[in-house]
Amino acid sequence: MTNEPIAALRTEVVLGVIGAVGQELRATLSELLQGELRAGGLALVESELHDELPGFAARAVANPRALLAVLLDTRAASGWRLIVIDPSRR
């Protein structure tokens, strides 16, 4: 481990999507986010979801490079749900 503060090591934003999202829409979302994050010195990491929120959250908290984890849940017909996790707050 280096002597740098932990916050300096957190440079990734982890994105997960649950539900049916077209490939074109997902690619557009990813491209927009990458452009904005890159300008701030951050990287977008897309996470494949094999389970629900608890597993996604556990992996985000365990990742020492994750500054933020975002889960987009598109399953409900009534609208999408966006869940934001701060991995540094255990």
N, C-alpha and C. Protein backbone atom coordinates (compact mmCIF):
# COMPACT_ATOMS: atom_id res chain seq x y z
N MET A 1 0.85 -1.18 0.00
CA MET A 1 0.00 0.00 0.00
C MET A 1 0.89 1.24 0.00
N THR A 2 0.43 2.27 -0.66
CA THR A 2 1.20 3.50 -0.72
C THR A 2 0.83 4.41 0.43
N ASN A 3 1.52 5.53 0.53
CA ASN A 3 1.22 6.52 1.55
C ASN A 3 0.14 7.50 1.12
N GLU A 4 -0.40 7.33 -0.10
CA GLU A 4 -1.44 8.23 -0.59
C GLU A 4 -2.72 8.03 0.21
N PRO A 5 -3.50 9.09 0.37
CA PRO A 5 -4.78 8.93 1.07
C PRO A 5 -5.69 7.99 0.29
N ILE A 6 -6.55 7.30 1.00
CA ILE A 6 -7.47 6.35 0.38
C ILE A 6 -8.30 7.02 -0.71
N ALA A 7 -8.78 8.24 -0.48
CA ALA A 7 -9.61 8.93 -1.47
C ALA A 7 -8.88 9.09 -2.79
N ALA A 8 -7.56 9.26 -2.76
CA ALA A 8 -6.80 9.42 -3.99
C ALA A 8 -6.79 8.14 -4.81
N LEU A 9 -6.99 7.01 -4.17
CA LEU A 9 -6.99 5.73 -4.88
C LEU A 9 -8.34 5.41 -5.50
N ARG A 10 -9.38 6.07 -5.06
CA ARG A 10 -10.74 5.79 -5.54
C ARG A 10 -11.00 6.58 -6.81
N THR A 11 -10.83 5.93 -7.94
CA THR A 11 -10.96 6.61 -9.23
C THR A 11 -11.95 5.93 -10.16
N GLU A 12 -12.71 4.97 -9.66
CA GLU A 12 -13.65 4.25 -10.51
C GLU A 12 -15.09 4.48 -10.07
N VAL A 13 -15.94 4.61 -11.07
CA VAL A 13 -17.38 4.62 -10.84
C VAL A 13 -17.90 3.33 -11.45
N VAL A 14 -18.50 2.50 -10.63
CA VAL A 14 -18.98 1.19 -11.06
C VAL A 14 -20.45 1.32 -11.43
N LEU A 15 -20.81 0.87 -12.63
CA LEU A 15 -22.18 0.94 -13.12
C LEU A 15 -22.71 -0.46 -13.35
N GLY A 16 -23.88 -0.73 -12.79
CA GLY A 16 -24.58 -1.98 -13.03
C GLY A 16 -25.98 -1.68 -13.51
N VAL A 17 -26.51 -2.54 -14.39
CA VAL A 17 -27.87 -2.37 -14.90
C VAL A 17 -28.61 -3.68 -14.73
N ILE A 18 -29.80 -3.59 -14.11
CA ILE A 18 -30.67 -4.75 -13.97
C ILE A 18 -31.90 -4.49 -14.83
N GLY A 19 -32.27 -5.46 -15.63
CA GLY A 19 -33.46 -5.32 -16.47
C GLY A 19 -33.08 -5.18 -17.93
N ALA A 20 -34.10 -5.17 -18.74
CA ALA A 20 -33.90 -5.11 -20.19
C ALA A 20 -33.61 -3.68 -20.64
N VAL A 21 -32.43 -3.48 -21.12
CA VAL A 21 -32.04 -2.19 -21.71
C VAL A 21 -31.41 -2.53 -23.05
N GLY A 22 -31.88 -1.88 -24.08
CA GLY A 22 -31.33 -2.14 -25.41
C GLY A 22 -29.84 -1.85 -25.46
N GLN A 23 -29.16 -2.59 -26.31
CA GLN A 23 -27.70 -2.44 -26.44
C GLN A 23 -27.33 -1.02 -26.87
N GLU A 24 -28.14 -0.43 -27.75
CA GLU A 24 -27.85 0.93 -28.22
C GLU A 24 -28.00 1.95 -27.09
N LEU A 25 -29.04 1.80 -26.28
CA LEU A 25 -29.24 2.71 -25.16
C LEU A 25 -28.12 2.56 -24.12
N ARG A 26 -27.75 1.33 -23.85
CA ARG A 26 -26.67 1.09 -22.88
C ARG A 26 -25.35 1.66 -23.38
N ALA A 27 -25.07 1.51 -24.66
CA ALA A 27 -23.83 2.05 -25.24
C ALA A 27 -23.82 3.58 -25.17
N THR A 28 -24.97 4.19 -25.44
CA THR A 28 -25.07 5.65 -25.37
C THR A 28 -24.86 6.15 -23.94
N LEU A 29 -25.50 5.49 -22.99
CA LEU A 29 -25.33 5.85 -21.58
C LEU A 29 -23.87 5.72 -21.16
N SER A 30 -23.25 4.63 -21.54
CA SER A 30 -21.85 4.40 -21.20
C SER A 30 -20.95 5.48 -21.82
N GLU A 31 -21.19 5.80 -23.06
CA GLU A 31 -20.38 6.82 -23.74
C GLU A 31 -20.51 8.18 -23.08
N LEU A 32 -21.73 8.56 -22.72
CA LEU A 32 -21.96 9.85 -22.05
C LEU A 32 -21.27 9.89 -20.69
N LEU A 33 -21.43 8.83 -19.92
CA LEU A 33 -20.81 8.78 -18.60
C LEU A 33 -19.29 8.78 -18.69
N GLN A 34 -18.74 8.01 -19.61
CA GLN A 34 -17.29 7.96 -19.76
C GLN A 34 -16.70 9.32 -20.07
N GLY A 35 -17.36 10.06 -20.95
CA GLY A 35 -16.87 11.39 -21.30
C GLY A 35 -16.84 12.34 -20.11
N GLU A 36 -17.91 12.32 -19.33
CA GLU A 36 -17.99 13.19 -18.16
C GLU A 36 -16.99 12.77 -17.08
N LEU A 37 -16.89 11.48 -16.84
CA LEU A 37 -15.99 10.99 -15.79
C LEU A 37 -14.53 11.18 -16.16
N ARG A 38 -14.19 10.93 -17.40
CA ARG A 38 -12.81 11.09 -17.86
C ARG A 38 -12.32 12.51 -17.62
N ALA A 39 -13.22 13.49 -17.84
CA ALA A 39 -12.85 14.90 -17.63
C ALA A 39 -12.47 15.16 -16.17
N GLY A 40 -13.02 14.37 -15.26
CA GLY A 40 -12.70 14.52 -13.84
C GLY A 40 -11.64 13.56 -13.35
N GLY A 41 -10.98 12.85 -14.27
CA GLY A 41 -9.93 11.92 -13.88
C GLY A 41 -10.46 10.59 -13.35
N LEU A 42 -11.71 10.27 -13.67
CA LEU A 42 -12.32 9.04 -13.20
C LEU A 42 -12.57 8.07 -14.35
N ALA A 43 -12.76 6.82 -14.02
CA ALA A 43 -13.01 5.79 -15.03
C ALA A 43 -14.35 5.11 -14.74
N LEU A 44 -15.08 4.79 -15.80
CA LEU A 44 -16.32 4.03 -15.67
C LEU A 44 -16.00 2.56 -15.81
N VAL A 45 -16.51 1.76 -14.87
CA VAL A 45 -16.35 0.32 -14.91
C VAL A 45 -17.75 -0.28 -14.94
N GLU A 46 -18.06 -0.96 -16.03
CA GLU A 46 -19.38 -1.59 -16.13
C GLU A 46 -19.31 -2.98 -15.53
N SER A 47 -20.24 -3.23 -14.63
CA SER A 47 -20.26 -4.49 -13.90
C SER A 47 -21.40 -5.37 -14.41
N GLU A 48 -21.07 -6.61 -14.71
CA GLU A 48 -22.10 -7.58 -15.08
C GLU A 48 -22.82 -8.00 -13.82
N LEU A 49 -24.13 -8.00 -13.86
CA LEU A 49 -24.90 -8.37 -12.68
C LEU A 49 -25.38 -9.81 -12.80
N HIS A 50 -25.03 -10.59 -11.79
CA HIS A 50 -25.47 -11.98 -11.73
C HIS A 50 -26.45 -12.17 -10.58
N ASP A 51 -26.67 -11.12 -9.82
CA ASP A 51 -27.56 -11.20 -8.68
C ASP A 51 -28.18 -9.82 -8.47
N GLU A 52 -28.85 -9.67 -7.39
CA GLU A 52 -29.54 -8.42 -7.08
C GLU A 52 -28.62 -7.44 -6.35
N LEU A 53 -29.22 -6.42 -5.81
CA LEU A 53 -28.50 -5.33 -5.16
C LEU A 53 -27.52 -5.75 -4.07
N PRO A 54 -27.86 -6.67 -3.17
CA PRO A 54 -26.90 -7.00 -2.10
C PRO A 54 -25.54 -7.47 -2.63
N GLY A 55 -25.52 -8.31 -3.63
CA GLY A 55 -24.26 -8.79 -4.19
C GLY A 55 -23.49 -7.68 -4.88
N PHE A 56 -24.21 -6.84 -5.63
CA PHE A 56 -23.59 -5.71 -6.32
C PHE A 56 -22.98 -4.75 -5.29
N ALA A 57 -23.73 -4.46 -4.24
CA ALA A 57 -23.24 -3.55 -3.20
C ALA A 57 -22.03 -4.12 -2.48
N ALA A 58 -22.06 -5.41 -2.20
CA ALA A 58 -20.94 -6.05 -1.50
C ALA A 58 -19.66 -5.97 -2.34
N ARG A 59 -19.78 -6.20 -3.63
CA ARG A 59 -18.60 -6.12 -4.51
C ARG A 59 -18.09 -4.68 -4.60
N ALA A 60 -18.99 -3.71 -4.65
CA ALA A 60 -18.59 -2.31 -4.72
C ALA A 60 -17.84 -1.88 -3.47
N VAL A 61 -18.34 -2.27 -2.32
CA VAL A 61 -17.70 -1.91 -1.06
C VAL A 61 -16.33 -2.58 -0.94
N ALA A 62 -16.19 -3.77 -1.49
CA ALA A 62 -14.92 -4.49 -1.41
C ALA A 62 -13.87 -3.96 -2.39
N ASN A 63 -14.28 -3.16 -3.37
CA ASN A 63 -13.36 -2.65 -4.38
C ASN A 63 -12.68 -1.38 -3.86
N PRO A 64 -11.38 -1.42 -3.58
CA PRO A 64 -10.70 -0.25 -3.02
C PRO A 64 -10.58 0.92 -3.99
N ARG A 65 -10.82 0.68 -5.27
CA ARG A 65 -10.73 1.76 -6.27
C ARG A 65 -12.08 2.42 -6.55
N ALA A 66 -13.17 1.85 -6.02
CA ALA A 66 -14.51 2.36 -6.32
C ALA A 66 -14.82 3.61 -5.50
N LEU A 67 -15.03 4.70 -6.18
CA LEU A 67 -15.45 5.95 -5.55
C LEU A 67 -16.97 5.95 -5.35
N LEU A 68 -17.66 5.34 -6.31
CA LEU A 68 -19.11 5.36 -6.33
C LEU A 68 -19.59 4.14 -7.09
N ALA A 69 -20.71 3.58 -6.66
CA ALA A 69 -21.34 2.49 -7.39
C ALA A 69 -22.77 2.91 -7.69
N VAL A 70 -23.19 2.69 -8.92
CA VAL A 70 -24.51 3.10 -9.37
C VAL A 70 -25.21 1.91 -9.99
N LEU A 71 -26.42 1.64 -9.52
CA LEU A 71 -27.21 0.55 -10.05
C LEU A 71 -28.46 1.14 -10.68
N LEU A 72 -28.67 0.84 -11.96
CA LEU A 72 -29.86 1.28 -12.67
C LEU A 72 -30.78 0.08 -12.82
N ASP A 73 -31.96 0.16 -12.20
CA ASP A 73 -32.93 -0.93 -12.23
C ASP A 73 -34.05 -0.53 -13.18
N THR A 74 -34.14 -1.22 -14.31
CA THR A 74 -35.11 -0.87 -15.36
C THR A 74 -36.26 -1.85 -15.45
N ARG A 75 -36.45 -2.69 -14.44
CA ARG A 75 -37.44 -3.77 -14.53
C ARG A 75 -38.88 -3.30 -14.37
N ALA A 76 -39.14 -2.27 -13.59
CA ALA A 76 -40.51 -1.86 -13.30
C ALA A 76 -41.13 -1.08 -14.47
N ALA A 77 -42.35 -1.42 -14.80
CA ALA A 77 -43.07 -0.72 -15.87
C ALA A 77 -43.39 0.72 -15.47
N SER A 78 -43.44 0.99 -14.17
CA SER A 78 -43.79 2.32 -13.67
C SER A 78 -42.63 3.31 -13.76
N GLY A 79 -41.44 2.84 -14.01
CA GLY A 79 -40.29 3.73 -14.14
C GLY A 79 -39.00 3.08 -13.67
N TRP A 80 -37.91 3.71 -13.98
CA TRP A 80 -36.60 3.20 -13.60
C TRP A 80 -36.25 3.68 -12.21
N ARG A 81 -35.39 2.92 -11.55
CA ARG A 81 -34.91 3.26 -10.21
C ARG A 81 -33.39 3.35 -10.27
N LEU A 82 -32.84 4.39 -9.68
CA LEU A 82 -31.40 4.60 -9.65
C LEU A 82 -30.94 4.51 -8.20
N ILE A 83 -30.01 3.60 -7.94
CA ILE A 83 -29.49 3.40 -6.59
C ILE A 83 -28.01 3.78 -6.59
N VAL A 84 -27.62 4.67 -5.69
CA VAL A 84 -26.24 5.14 -5.60
C VAL A 84 -25.65 4.65 -4.28
N ILE A 85 -24.47 4.05 -4.38
CA ILE A 85 -23.79 3.49 -3.20
C ILE A 85 -22.44 4.18 -3.04
N ASP A 86 -22.16 4.64 -1.83
CA ASP A 86 -20.86 5.22 -1.50
C ASP A 86 -20.04 4.13 -0.82
N PRO A 87 -19.13 3.47 -1.56
CA PRO A 87 -18.37 2.35 -0.99
C PRO A 87 -17.50 2.73 0.20
N SER A 88 -17.13 3.98 0.33
CA SER A 88 -16.26 4.36 1.44
C SER A 88 -17.02 4.41 2.78
N ARG A 89 -18.35 4.41 2.71
CA ARG A 89 -19.18 4.44 3.93
C ARG A 89 -19.68 3.04 4.21
N ARG A 90 -18.98 2.34 5.03
CA ARG A 90 -19.35 0.94 5.31
C ARG A 90 -20.34 0.86 6.38
